[in-house]
Amino acid sequence: MEEKEVVESTTEVAGATKEITEKEETNALAIPKMNNITVNLFGESKRKAITSLDLNDPEDADMILNASQEADFKLNDEIDKEITVIGCSLTETPVETMDEQTGEVITRKKHTVCLFDIEGRSHVTGSNACYMSFMQIVALKGMPTKEKPIVLIPCQAPAKEKGHNYLRLKIKTNK
C-alpha cells in the first residue's frame, strides 16, 4: 500500500489557499490527484474541503462555485437513478455539541458530498452514510474523473431500529 508523492504545491489567492497534491497510484487504495481547498479569510477555519476537479480549469472551478451556492439536484430525490460521475467535492465540518448531563463538549464531523455528472450538473447530500459509502467506492475504484467516470446509483438502506432509511451509493454493474 505504497504511495509516492509526485508534486505538491500551495497557491494563495485573496486569502484562499489551494493545495494540490498529485499521487502516483501504486495500488487500488491510492487516491489520485486531489485538490485541498482551504478558505481562511478571517482566521483559522476548521472546515476541510477537497475536490477531484481541476481548480486551474475555469469550467471545473465554475462547477464548484455554482454548486456551493445552489446544487442542481439533491441525491435524496434521485433514488435508483443512474448518475455518471466525473468529479466530486467533499467537505468535512466539525460540529460541537454539549452533553447536558456531563457538560462535556462532543465534536462530531458533518460531511457534504457533491457529485458532478457528465453534463456539469451537481448532485448534493449532507448524509454521513452517503459520504461513507462514497469513500468505500473511492477506496476501491479511485476518484471519478472525466477520463474515468463512475456510474453511481443513490439508494436507501434501512436503519436498524431507527425507523428511517440511510442514503447510500452503489456502483452500476453490468448484470
Protein backbone atom coordinates (compact mmCIF):
# COMPACT_ATOMS: atom_id res chain seq x y z
CA MET A 1 0.00 0.00 0.00
CA GLU A 2 2.74 2.40 -1.02
CA GLU A 3 2.02 5.87 -2.42
CA LYS A 4 4.59 8.18 -3.95
CA GLU A 5 4.05 11.93 -3.88
CA VAL A 6 4.90 13.43 -7.23
CA VAL A 7 4.01 17.12 -6.94
CA GLU A 8 2.92 19.23 -4.03
CA SER A 9 2.16 22.92 -4.33
CA THR A 10 0.26 25.60 -2.45
CA THR A 11 -1.31 28.68 -4.01
CA GLU A 12 -2.90 31.56 -2.09
CA VAL A 13 -5.35 33.93 -3.76
CA ALA A 14 -7.33 36.56 -1.81
CA GLY A 15 -6.97 34.66 1.46
CA ALA A 16 -7.99 31.30 -0.01
CA THR A 17 -5.35 28.60 -0.09
CA LYS A 18 -5.37 25.84 -2.69
CA GLU A 19 -3.07 22.89 -2.07
CA ILE A 20 -2.55 20.39 -4.85
CA THR A 21 -1.04 17.00 -4.20
CA GLU A 22 -0.62 14.56 -7.06
CA LYS A 23 -0.03 10.96 -6.11
CA GLU A 24 1.23 8.13 -8.21
CA GLU A 25 -1.18 5.24 -7.94
CA THR A 26 0.63 2.11 -6.80
CA ASN A 27 -2.36 0.04 -5.67
CA ALA A 28 -6.17 0.05 -5.67
CA LEU A 29 -6.40 2.03 -2.43
CA ALA A 30 -4.34 5.01 -3.62
CA ILE A 31 -6.40 8.12 -4.31
CA PRO A 32 -5.19 10.05 -7.36
CA LYS A 33 -4.89 13.82 -7.64
CA MET A 34 -6.96 15.64 -5.03
CA ASN A 35 -7.18 19.38 -4.51
CA ASN A 36 -7.48 20.64 -0.93
CA ILE A 37 -9.45 23.87 -0.64
CA THR A 38 -8.96 25.99 2.48
CA VAL A 39 -10.56 29.40 2.99
CA ASN A 40 -9.01 31.48 5.79
CA LEU A 41 -10.34 34.99 5.29
CA PHE A 42 -10.99 35.72 8.99
CA GLY A 43 -8.78 33.34 10.90
CA GLU A 44 -8.42 29.62 11.41
CA SER A 45 -11.02 27.51 9.62
CA LYS A 46 -11.76 24.01 10.88
CA ARG A 47 -13.73 23.14 7.74
CA LYS A 48 -11.93 20.90 5.27
CA ALA A 49 -12.78 20.59 1.60
CA ILE A 50 -11.30 18.51 -1.21
CA THR A 51 -12.19 18.05 -4.84
CA SER A 52 -11.16 15.79 -7.68
CA LEU A 53 -11.82 18.55 -10.21
CA ASP A 54 -9.01 20.66 -11.69
CA LEU A 55 -9.21 24.07 -9.98
CA ASN A 56 -7.00 25.56 -12.69
CA ASP A 57 -9.66 24.71 -15.29
CA PRO A 58 -12.18 27.62 -15.36
CA GLU A 59 -15.07 25.27 -16.23
CA ASP A 60 -14.31 22.95 -13.29
CA ALA A 61 -13.83 25.90 -10.91
CA ASP A 62 -17.19 27.34 -12.01
CA MET A 63 -18.89 23.98 -11.35
CA ILE A 64 -17.62 24.01 -7.77
CA LEU A 65 -18.54 27.66 -7.20
CA ASN A 66 -22.04 27.20 -8.61
CA ALA A 67 -22.64 24.03 -6.59
CA SER A 68 -21.54 25.80 -3.40
CA GLN A 69 -24.28 28.38 -3.96
CA GLU A 70 -27.08 26.13 -5.20
CA ALA A 71 -26.96 22.47 -6.17
CA ASP A 72 -28.86 21.26 -9.23
CA PHE A 73 -30.18 18.08 -7.55
CA LYS A 74 -30.49 16.55 -4.08
CA LEU A 75 -29.36 12.93 -4.00
CA ASN A 76 -32.37 12.06 -1.81
CA ASP A 77 -34.59 12.95 -4.79
CA GLU A 78 -32.62 10.69 -7.15
CA ILE A 79 -33.09 7.25 -5.59
CA ASP A 80 -32.43 4.46 -8.12
CA LYS A 81 -31.38 6.92 -10.88
CA GLU A 82 -28.01 6.47 -12.60
CA ILE A 83 -25.51 9.33 -12.36
CA THR A 84 -22.34 9.26 -14.48
CA VAL A 85 -19.92 10.98 -12.09
CA ILE A 86 -16.86 12.81 -13.47
CA GLY A 87 -15.83 14.59 -10.28
CA CYS A 88 -16.65 15.32 -6.69
CA SER A 89 -16.27 17.87 -3.94
CA LEU A 90 -16.25 16.69 -0.32
CA THR A 91 -16.41 18.81 2.83
CA GLU A 92 -15.94 17.98 6.48
CA THR A 93 -17.05 20.40 9.17
CA PRO A 94 -16.64 19.79 12.90
CA VAL A 95 -19.87 20.35 14.83
CA GLU A 96 -19.65 20.82 18.59
CA THR A 97 -22.48 19.94 20.96
CA MET A 98 -22.56 19.79 24.73
CA ASP A 99 -23.64 16.74 26.68
CA GLU A 100 -26.18 18.27 29.06
CA GLN A 101 -25.58 15.62 31.75
CA THR A 102 -21.78 15.77 31.88
CA GLY A 103 -21.09 19.22 30.40
CA GLU A 104 -18.59 17.58 28.06
CA VAL A 105 -18.15 19.13 24.62
CA ILE A 106 -18.60 16.48 21.95
CA THR A 107 -17.27 17.09 18.45
CA ARG A 108 -18.67 15.12 15.54
CA LYS A 109 -17.90 15.56 11.87
CA LYS A 110 -20.56 16.62 9.39
CA HIS A 111 -19.88 15.68 5.76
CA THR A 112 -21.19 17.03 2.49
CA VAL A 113 -20.85 15.14 -0.79
CA CYS A 114 -21.27 16.91 -4.12
CA LEU A 115 -21.05 14.77 -7.25
CA PHE A 116 -20.66 16.28 -10.72
CA ASP A 117 -22.13 14.48 -13.73
CA ILE A 118 -21.01 14.47 -17.38
CA GLU A 119 -23.22 17.48 -18.09
CA GLY A 120 -21.62 19.52 -15.30
CA ARG A 121 -24.67 19.34 -13.01
CA SER A 122 -24.25 18.99 -9.25
CA HIS A 123 -25.87 16.34 -7.04
CA VAL A 124 -25.51 17.02 -3.30
CA THR A 125 -26.23 15.49 0.09
CA GLY A 126 -25.32 16.08 3.71
CA SER A 127 -25.73 12.40 4.57
CA ASN A 128 -22.83 10.94 6.54
CA ALA A 129 -23.89 7.44 5.47
CA CYS A 130 -23.68 8.52 1.82
CA TYR A 131 -20.24 10.04 2.46
CA MET A 132 -19.03 6.76 3.99
CA SER A 133 -20.38 4.67 1.09
CA PHE A 134 -18.77 7.05 -1.43
CA MET A 135 -15.42 6.78 0.37
CA GLN A 136 -15.64 2.97 0.21
CA ILE A 137 -16.23 3.19 -3.54
CA VAL A 138 -13.32 5.62 -3.98
CA ALA A 139 -11.00 3.40 -1.93
CA LEU A 140 -11.55 0.54 -4.37
CA LYS A 141 -12.26 2.32 -7.69
CA GLY A 142 -10.37 5.60 -7.34
CA MET A 143 -11.80 9.08 -7.73
CA PRO A 144 -14.16 9.67 -10.64
CA THR A 145 -12.65 11.80 -13.40
CA LYS A 146 -13.63 12.99 -16.86
CA GLU A 147 -11.32 10.35 -18.28
CA LYS A 148 -12.55 7.61 -15.93
CA PRO A 149 -16.15 8.33 -14.83
CA ILE A 150 -18.01 6.10 -12.39
CA VAL A 151 -21.74 5.36 -12.76
CA LEU A 152 -23.33 5.60 -9.31
CA ILE A 153 -26.88 4.95 -8.15
CA PRO A 154 -28.26 6.55 -4.97
CA CYS A 155 -30.21 4.01 -2.91
CA GLN A 156 -31.75 3.70 0.53
CA ALA A 157 -30.71 1.23 3.22
CA PRO A 158 -32.97 0.69 6.22
CA ALA A 159 -31.61 1.92 9.54
CA LYS A 160 -31.85 -0.88 12.08
CA GLU A 161 -34.09 0.07 14.99
CA LYS A 162 -34.33 3.73 13.93
CA GLY A 163 -37.35 3.60 11.65
CA HIS A 164 -35.85 5.53 8.74
CA ASN A 165 -33.52 4.93 5.79
CA TYR A 166 -29.90 5.85 5.19
CA LEU A 167 -28.86 7.31 1.84
CA ARG A 168 -26.11 5.23 0.24
CA LEU A 169 -24.42 4.96 -3.15
CA LYS A 170 -23.85 1.84 -5.19
CA ILE A 171 -21.95 1.22 -8.40
CA LYS A 172 -23.86 0.30 -11.54
CA THR A 173 -22.96 -3.23 -12.50
CA ASN A 174 -23.18 -4.77 -15.96
CA LYS A 175 -25.64 -7.50 -14.97
